[in-house]
Amino acid sequence: MLVVTTPSLHGRTITEYLGGRSAGYERELERARGIALSEMAEQAQDLGGDAVVGVDLDYETIGQGSMLMVSASGTAVRLG
């Protein structure tokens, strides 16, 4: 599953947009980011997608700054 921040993939044609996907988790940064991206990719795959384009990560501090809320969003697509 390709997961990219760009709106397109060089050399590949997007044949169908399957809709926005998002996931969010509260944990330490590295672990939360990985989980959020994996969950988003899994959602896209469940829709029959080949990639997620336009990925954006947002971070928010929780409590005294020891934890972060990481949100990932992007658009699931099928490639030609």
C-alpha atoms as a PDB file:
ATOM      1  CA  MET A   1       0.000   0.000   0.000  1.00  0.00           C
ATOM      2  CA  LEU A   2       1.470   3.322  -1.068  1.00  0.00           C
ATOM      3  CA  VAL A   3       0.921   6.176   1.398  1.00  0.00           C
ATOM      4  CA  VAL A   4       2.109   9.575   0.154  1.00  0.00           C
ATOM      5  CA  THR A   5       1.714  13.239   1.042  1.00  0.00           C
ATOM      6  CA  THR A   6       1.465  14.309  -2.611  1.00  0.00           C
ATOM      7  CA  PRO A   7      -1.899  14.557  -4.428  1.00  0.00           C
ATOM      8  CA  SER A   8      -0.714  12.188  -7.187  1.00  0.00           C
ATOM      9  CA  LEU A   9       1.865   9.485  -7.895  1.00  0.00           C
ATOM     10  CA  HIS A  10       4.466  10.165 -10.585  1.00  0.00           C
ATOM     11  CA  GLY A  11       4.074   7.679 -13.434  1.00  0.00           C
ATOM     12  CA  ARG A  12       0.803   6.229 -12.108  1.00  0.00           C
ATOM     13  CA  THR A  13      -2.772   7.101 -13.032  1.00  0.00           C
ATOM     14  CA  ILE A  14      -5.461   7.446 -10.395  1.00  0.00           C
ATOM     15  CA  THR A  15      -8.548   5.760 -11.858  1.00  0.00           C
ATOM     16  CA  GLU A  16     -10.929   6.198  -8.920  1.00  0.00           C
ATOM     17  CA  TYR A  17     -11.144   8.226  -5.726  1.00  0.00           C
ATOM     18  CA  LEU A  18     -12.623   6.125  -2.933  1.00  0.00           C
ATOM     19  CA  GLY A  19     -13.007   8.875  -0.338  1.00  0.00           C
ATOM     20  CA  GLY A  20     -11.252  10.298   2.665  1.00  0.00           C
ATOM     21  CA  ARG A  21      -9.828   8.094   5.376  1.00  0.00           C
ATOM     22  CA  SER A  22      -8.596   9.097   8.798  1.00  0.00           C
ATOM     23  CA  ALA A  23      -7.298   7.602  12.012  1.00  0.00           C
ATOM     24  CA  GLY A  24      -6.135   9.030  15.318  1.00  0.00           C
ATOM     25  CA  TYR A  25      -4.316   7.698  18.360  1.00  0.00           C
ATOM     26  CA  GLU A  26      -3.053   8.920  21.731  1.00  0.00           C
ATOM     27  CA  ARG A  27       0.438   7.595  22.484  1.00  0.00           C
ATOM     28  CA  GLU A  28       4.061   8.537  22.313  1.00  0.00           C
ATOM     29  CA  LEU A  29       4.832  10.170  18.959  1.00  0.00           C
ATOM     30  CA  GLU A  30       6.619   7.458  16.950  1.00  0.00           C
ATOM     31  CA  ARG A  31       4.236   4.690  17.930  1.00  0.00           C
ATOM     32  CA  ALA A  32       1.086   6.781  17.436  1.00  0.00           C
ATOM     33  CA  ARG A  33       2.210   7.992  14.005  1.00  0.00           C
ATOM     34  CA  GLY A  34       2.904   4.449  12.820  1.00  0.00           C
ATOM     35  CA  ILE A  35      -0.403   3.136  14.143  1.00  0.00           C
ATOM     36  CA  ALA A  36      -2.398   5.998  12.605  1.00  0.00           C
ATOM     37  CA  LEU A  37      -0.768   5.532   9.180  1.00  0.00           C
ATOM     38  CA  SER A  38      -1.234   1.746   9.315  1.00  0.00           C
ATOM     39  CA  GLU A  39      -4.892   2.069  10.285  1.00  0.00           C
ATOM     40  CA  MET A  40      -5.536   4.550   7.494  1.00  0.00           C
ATOM     41  CA  ALA A  41      -3.843   2.263   4.947  1.00  0.00           C
ATOM     42  CA  GLU A  42      -5.892  -0.693   6.200  1.00  0.00           C
ATOM     43  CA  GLN A  43      -9.117   1.287   5.765  1.00  0.00           C
ATOM     44  CA  ALA A  44      -8.095   2.172   2.196  1.00  0.00           C
ATOM     45  CA  GLN A  45      -7.276  -1.456   1.439  1.00  0.00           C
ATOM     46  CA  ASP A  46     -10.662  -2.552   2.803  1.00  0.00           C
ATOM     47  CA  LEU A  47     -12.238  -0.227   0.201  1.00  0.00           C
ATOM     48  CA  GLY A  48     -10.209  -1.881  -2.557  1.00  0.00           C
ATOM     49  CA  GLY A  49      -7.693   0.962  -2.739  1.00  0.00           C
ATOM     50  CA  ASP A  50      -4.125   0.711  -3.960  1.00  0.00           C
ATOM     51  CA  ALA A  51      -2.820   3.882  -2.307  1.00  0.00           C
ATOM     52  CA  VAL A  52      -3.592   6.802  -0.019  1.00  0.00           C
ATOM     53  CA  VAL A  53      -2.699  10.230  -1.448  1.00  0.00           C
ATOM     54  CA  GLY A  54      -2.637  13.692   0.105  1.00  0.00           C
ATOM     55  CA  VAL A  55      -1.707  12.350   3.538  1.00  0.00           C
ATOM     56  CA  ASP A  56      -1.588  14.898   6.359  1.00  0.00           C
ATOM     57  CA  LEU A  57      -0.465  14.301   9.941  1.00  0.00           C
ATOM     58  CA  ASP A  58      -1.637  16.500  12.803  1.00  0.00           C
ATOM     59  CA  TYR A  59      -0.293  16.426  16.352  1.00  0.00           C
ATOM     60  CA  GLU A  60      -1.872  17.668  19.584  1.00  0.00           C
ATOM     61  CA  THR A  61      -0.383  17.545  23.086  1.00  0.00           C
ATOM     62  CA  ILE A  62      -2.456  15.690  25.673  1.00  0.00           C
ATOM     63  CA  GLY A  63      -2.208  16.436  29.403  1.00  0.00           C
ATOM     64  CA  GLN A  64       1.186  17.609  30.654  1.00  0.00           C
ATOM     65  CA  GLY A  65       2.862  16.988  27.289  1.00  0.00           C
ATOM     66  CA  SER A  66       3.842  13.362  27.870  1.00  0.00           C
ATOM     67  CA  MET A  67       1.349  12.072  25.307  1.00  0.00           C
ATOM     68  CA  LEU A  68       0.296  13.210  21.853  1.00  0.00           C
ATOM     69  CA  MET A  69      -2.847  12.790  19.826  1.00  0.00           C
ATOM     70  CA  VAL A  70      -1.748  11.947  16.286  1.00  0.00           C
ATOM     71  CA  SER A  71      -4.325  12.202  13.501  1.00  0.00           C
ATOM     72  CA  ALA A  72      -3.654  11.003   9.960  1.00  0.00           C
ATOM     73  CA  SER A  73      -5.920  11.786   7.021  1.00  0.00           C
ATOM     74  CA  GLY A  74      -5.748  11.170   3.285  1.00  0.00           C
ATOM     75  CA  THR A  75      -7.706  10.006   0.251  1.00  0.00           C
ATOM     76  CA  ALA A  76      -7.935   6.342  -0.718  1.00  0.00           C
ATOM     77  CA  VAL A  77      -7.515   5.758  -4.475  1.00  0.00           C
ATOM     78  CA  ARG A  78      -7.346   3.003  -7.063  1.00  0.00           C
ATOM     79  CA  LEU A  79      -4.482   3.081  -9.515  1.00  0.00           C
ATOM     80  CA  GLY A  80      -4.476   2.164 -13.205  1.00  0.00           C
END
